[in-house]
Amino acid sequence: MTDTQIKPSVSPKERSTTTTAVAGFLLRVGFSPNAITIGGSALAFLGAVIFAPHGYLIAGTIVVAIGIWTDSIDGTMARMSGRTSDFGAFLDSFLDRLVDGSIYASLAYWLFREGHSRVAMAALAALISSYLVSYARARAEGLGYLGEIGYGHRFTRLEITGVGTLLAGFGVPYVLEIALWALCALALTTVVQRVAYVRRQVIARQSPML
């Protein structure tokens, strides 16, 4: 089993010339996709749990963004090297959930501590709804169905969170709460889309052939 992974779809980040160039450089100097997965996820995790709980939203957003961008390179590296492994794909998804949880939990902690309980609840709701999106896909694919559909993909959710957090760090009022509730609405819409999509596949598979 090789130390790489292939993601089922190519994100715009992975299609960019810069990402491809960086991925090629990392492969040439001897980095494996799994090493980049772990390193990028570790950077994003540390950026979230070190900066956000203390209200350093600008610094935290920048560090987390760098970590997430670094982590996005692993799939490109796997495709360029032509090596695949189920463990690499599992590791990538597992660490993505760890990073997502650290971001929203750290924001919720800081918001509760500062007395912004309503916005903190929005952060917790964002955490739960984001996990539901990921679980809907994982469970569908575990049963042999396609599950990647809908508007609220991970990078879209993280971009909304990042913009809201960065603007809040610059003192823009209400923007973080608006971003978090918007993310929840988008995530729940995506969950409904995925549930309906899987239901159609189940009905089609179970219907007798005419």
Protein backbone atom coordinates (compact mmCIF):
# COMPACT_ATOMS: atom_id res chain seq x y z
CA MET A 1 0.00 0.00 0.00
CA THR A 2 1.44 3.33 -1.03
CA ASP A 3 1.49 6.46 1.04
CA THR A 4 -0.87 8.55 -1.06
CA GLN A 5 -4.50 9.30 -1.65
CA ILE A 6 -6.92 10.34 -4.32
CA LYS A 7 -9.90 12.53 -3.55
CA PRO A 8 -13.05 11.82 -5.53
CA SER A 9 -13.30 15.31 -6.97
CA VAL A 10 -10.90 18.09 -7.91
CA SER A 11 -11.54 21.38 -6.15
CA PRO A 12 -10.79 24.74 -7.78
CA LYS A 13 -7.90 25.11 -5.34
CA GLU A 14 -6.34 21.90 -6.64
CA ARG A 15 -6.77 22.94 -10.28
CA SER A 16 -4.86 26.19 -9.84
CA THR A 17 -1.45 26.62 -11.41
CA THR A 18 0.08 27.66 -8.10
CA THR A 19 -1.17 24.55 -6.30
CA THR A 20 0.07 22.29 -9.10
CA ALA A 21 3.48 23.94 -9.04
CA VAL A 22 3.79 23.64 -5.26
CA ALA A 23 2.61 20.01 -5.37
CA GLY A 24 5.23 19.16 -7.98
CA PHE A 25 7.97 20.85 -5.95
CA LEU A 26 7.01 18.99 -2.77
CA LEU A 27 7.07 15.67 -4.61
CA ARG A 28 10.49 16.42 -6.07
CA VAL A 29 12.01 17.21 -2.68
CA GLY A 30 10.64 13.98 -1.20
CA PHE A 31 7.43 14.86 0.66
CA SER A 32 4.59 12.35 0.53
CA PRO A 33 0.92 13.35 0.27
CA ASN A 34 0.24 11.92 3.72
CA ALA A 35 3.00 14.04 5.23
CA ILE A 36 1.42 17.15 3.72
CA THR A 37 -2.00 16.06 4.97
CA ILE A 38 -0.70 15.74 8.51
CA GLY A 39 1.40 18.91 8.39
CA GLY A 40 -1.32 21.12 6.93
CA SER A 41 -3.96 19.76 9.29
CA ALA A 42 -1.66 20.21 12.29
CA LEU A 43 -1.01 23.84 11.33
CA ALA A 44 -4.74 24.56 10.91
CA PHE A 45 -5.57 22.80 14.18
CA LEU A 46 -2.93 24.71 16.14
CA GLY A 47 -3.97 27.98 14.53
CA ALA A 48 -7.54 27.40 15.68
CA VAL A 49 -6.89 26.23 19.25
CA ILE A 50 -4.09 28.72 20.02
CA PHE A 51 -5.44 31.95 18.55
CA ALA A 52 -9.25 31.76 18.44
CA PRO A 53 -9.84 30.99 22.15
CA HIS A 54 -8.00 34.21 23.02
CA GLY A 55 -9.77 36.38 20.44
CA TYR A 56 -6.84 36.73 18.03
CA LEU A 57 -9.16 36.29 15.08
CA ILE A 58 -6.99 37.84 12.37
CA ALA A 59 -3.88 35.83 13.22
CA GLY A 60 -5.95 32.69 13.72
CA THR A 61 -7.70 33.05 10.37
CA ILE A 62 -4.41 33.54 8.53
CA VAL A 63 -2.72 30.52 10.14
CA VAL A 64 -5.76 28.29 9.65
CA ALA A 65 -6.08 29.38 6.02
CA ILE A 66 -2.42 28.54 5.34
CA GLY A 67 -2.87 25.14 6.98
CA ILE A 68 -6.03 24.33 5.03
CA TRP A 69 -4.45 25.44 1.75
CA THR A 70 -1.43 23.27 2.48
CA ASP A 71 -3.70 20.33 3.24
CA SER A 72 -5.51 20.84 -0.09
CA ILE A 73 -2.31 20.04 -1.98
CA ASP A 74 -2.24 16.37 -0.96
CA GLY A 75 -4.85 15.25 -3.49
CA THR A 76 -3.00 17.02 -6.30
CA MET A 77 0.22 15.35 -5.22
CA ALA A 78 -1.46 11.94 -5.28
CA ARG A 79 -2.80 12.45 -8.79
CA MET A 80 0.53 13.75 -10.06
CA SER A 81 2.47 10.83 -8.57
CA GLY A 82 -0.05 8.21 -9.76
CA ARG A 83 -0.10 6.39 -6.42
CA THR A 84 -3.19 5.73 -4.34
CA SER A 85 -4.18 4.25 -0.99
CA ASP A 86 -7.40 3.83 0.94
CA PHE A 87 -5.58 4.78 4.13
CA GLY A 88 -4.51 8.10 2.63
CA ALA A 89 -8.11 8.95 1.76
CA PHE A 90 -9.24 7.90 5.25
CA LEU A 91 -6.53 9.95 6.93
CA ASP A 92 -7.42 13.03 4.92
CA SER A 93 -11.12 12.84 5.80
CA PHE A 94 -10.41 12.08 9.44
CA LEU A 95 -8.09 15.06 9.86
CA ASP A 96 -10.51 17.33 8.01
CA ARG A 97 -13.14 16.59 10.68
CA LEU A 98 -10.57 17.29 13.42
CA VAL A 99 -9.71 20.67 11.91
CA ASP A 100 -13.36 21.63 11.38
CA GLY A 101 -14.22 20.73 14.96
CA SER A 102 -11.28 22.70 16.35
CA ILE A 103 -12.29 25.83 14.43
CA TYR A 104 -15.91 25.99 15.55
CA ALA A 105 -15.28 24.72 19.07
CA SER A 106 -12.54 27.32 19.59
CA LEU A 107 -14.79 30.10 18.31
CA ALA A 108 -17.63 28.93 20.54
CA TYR A 109 -15.33 28.86 23.59
CA TRP A 110 -14.13 32.42 22.99
CA LEU A 111 -17.62 33.72 22.30
CA PHE A 112 -19.07 32.13 25.44
CA ARG A 113 -16.19 33.50 27.51
CA GLU A 114 -16.79 36.99 26.13
CA GLY A 115 -20.50 36.78 26.90
CA HIS A 116 -21.68 36.46 23.30
CA SER A 117 -23.80 33.40 23.99
CA ARG A 118 -26.07 33.81 20.96
CA VAL A 119 -23.13 33.92 18.55
CA ALA A 120 -21.50 31.03 20.42
CA MET A 121 -24.62 28.97 19.80
CA ALA A 122 -24.29 29.84 16.11
CA ALA A 123 -20.73 28.46 16.19
CA LEU A 124 -21.94 25.23 17.78
CA ALA A 125 -24.77 24.98 15.26
CA ALA A 126 -22.21 25.48 12.48
CA LEU A 127 -20.15 22.64 13.93
CA ILE A 128 -23.10 20.24 14.08
CA SER A 129 -24.49 21.11 10.65
CA SER A 130 -21.05 20.83 9.04
CA TYR A 131 -20.58 17.40 10.54
CA LEU A 132 -24.00 16.35 9.23
CA VAL A 133 -22.93 17.29 5.71
CA SER A 134 -19.81 15.14 5.97
CA TYR A 135 -21.63 12.26 7.65
CA ALA A 136 -24.38 12.19 5.02
CA ARG A 137 -21.79 11.68 2.32
CA ALA A 138 -19.71 9.18 4.30
CA ARG A 139 -22.73 7.07 5.23
CA ALA A 140 -24.07 7.10 1.67
CA GLU A 141 -20.74 6.00 0.24
CA GLY A 142 -20.40 3.37 2.96
CA LEU A 143 -23.67 1.85 1.71
CA GLY A 144 -22.51 1.95 -1.89
CA TYR A 145 -24.28 5.10 -3.06
CA LEU A 146 -23.03 8.43 -4.32
CA GLY A 147 -23.15 11.12 -1.64
CA GLU A 148 -21.20 14.14 -2.87
CA ILE A 149 -23.83 16.62 -3.97
CA GLY A 150 -25.05 20.04 -2.86
CA TYR A 151 -23.83 23.58 -2.54
CA GLY A 152 -22.17 23.46 0.88
CA HIS A 153 -18.90 21.67 0.22
CA ARG A 154 -16.18 21.92 2.84
CA PHE A 155 -14.14 24.66 1.19
CA THR A 156 -17.26 26.75 0.67
CA ARG A 157 -18.15 26.43 4.35
CA LEU A 158 -14.62 27.26 5.43
CA GLU A 159 -14.46 30.27 3.13
CA ILE A 160 -17.66 31.65 4.69
CA THR A 161 -16.25 31.07 8.16
CA GLY A 162 -12.90 32.58 7.26
CA VAL A 163 -14.36 35.75 5.78
CA GLY A 164 -16.69 36.22 8.75
CA THR A 165 -13.93 35.62 11.29
CA LEU A 166 -11.44 37.88 9.52
CA LEU A 167 -13.91 40.77 9.26
CA ALA A 168 -14.90 40.28 12.90
CA GLY A 169 -11.22 40.55 13.79
CA PHE A 170 -11.18 43.94 12.10
CA GLY A 171 -14.15 45.01 14.20
CA VAL A 172 -17.01 44.71 11.71
CA PRO A 173 -20.14 44.25 13.85
CA TYR A 174 -22.48 41.26 13.50
CA VAL A 175 -20.54 39.81 10.58
CA LEU A 176 -19.39 36.67 12.40
CA GLU A 177 -22.91 35.82 13.56
CA ILE A 178 -24.30 36.41 10.07
CA ALA A 179 -21.60 34.21 8.54
CA LEU A 180 -22.17 31.38 11.01
CA TRP A 181 -25.95 31.32 10.61
CA ALA A 182 -25.57 31.55 6.84
CA LEU A 183 -23.21 28.60 6.99
CA CYS A 184 -25.77 26.63 9.01
CA ALA A 185 -28.49 27.34 6.48
CA LEU A 186 -26.22 26.32 3.61
CA ALA A 187 -25.07 23.16 5.40
CA LEU A 188 -28.59 22.04 6.28
CA THR A 189 -29.70 22.68 2.71
CA THR A 190 -26.86 20.48 1.55
CA VAL A 191 -27.87 17.75 4.00
CA VAL A 192 -31.40 17.77 2.59
CA GLN A 193 -30.00 17.62 -0.94
CA ARG A 194 -27.84 14.63 -0.06
CA VAL A 195 -30.60 12.76 1.74
CA ALA A 196 -32.94 13.27 -1.22
CA TYR A 197 -30.18 12.23 -3.64
CA VAL A 198 -29.50 8.99 -1.77
CA ARG A 199 -33.23 8.27 -1.51
CA ARG A 200 -33.57 8.53 -5.29
CA GLN A 201 -30.67 6.14 -5.73
CA VAL A 202 -32.17 3.64 -3.27
CA ILE A 203 -35.54 3.73 -5.04
CA ALA A 204 -33.89 3.32 -8.42
CA ARG A 205 -31.84 0.34 -7.23
CA GLN A 206 -34.79 -1.37 -5.58
CA SER A 207 -37.27 -0.81 -8.44
CA PRO A 208 -37.80 -3.87 -10.66
CA MET A 209 -36.24 -3.64 -14.08
CA LEU A 210 -38.84 -3.07 -16.80
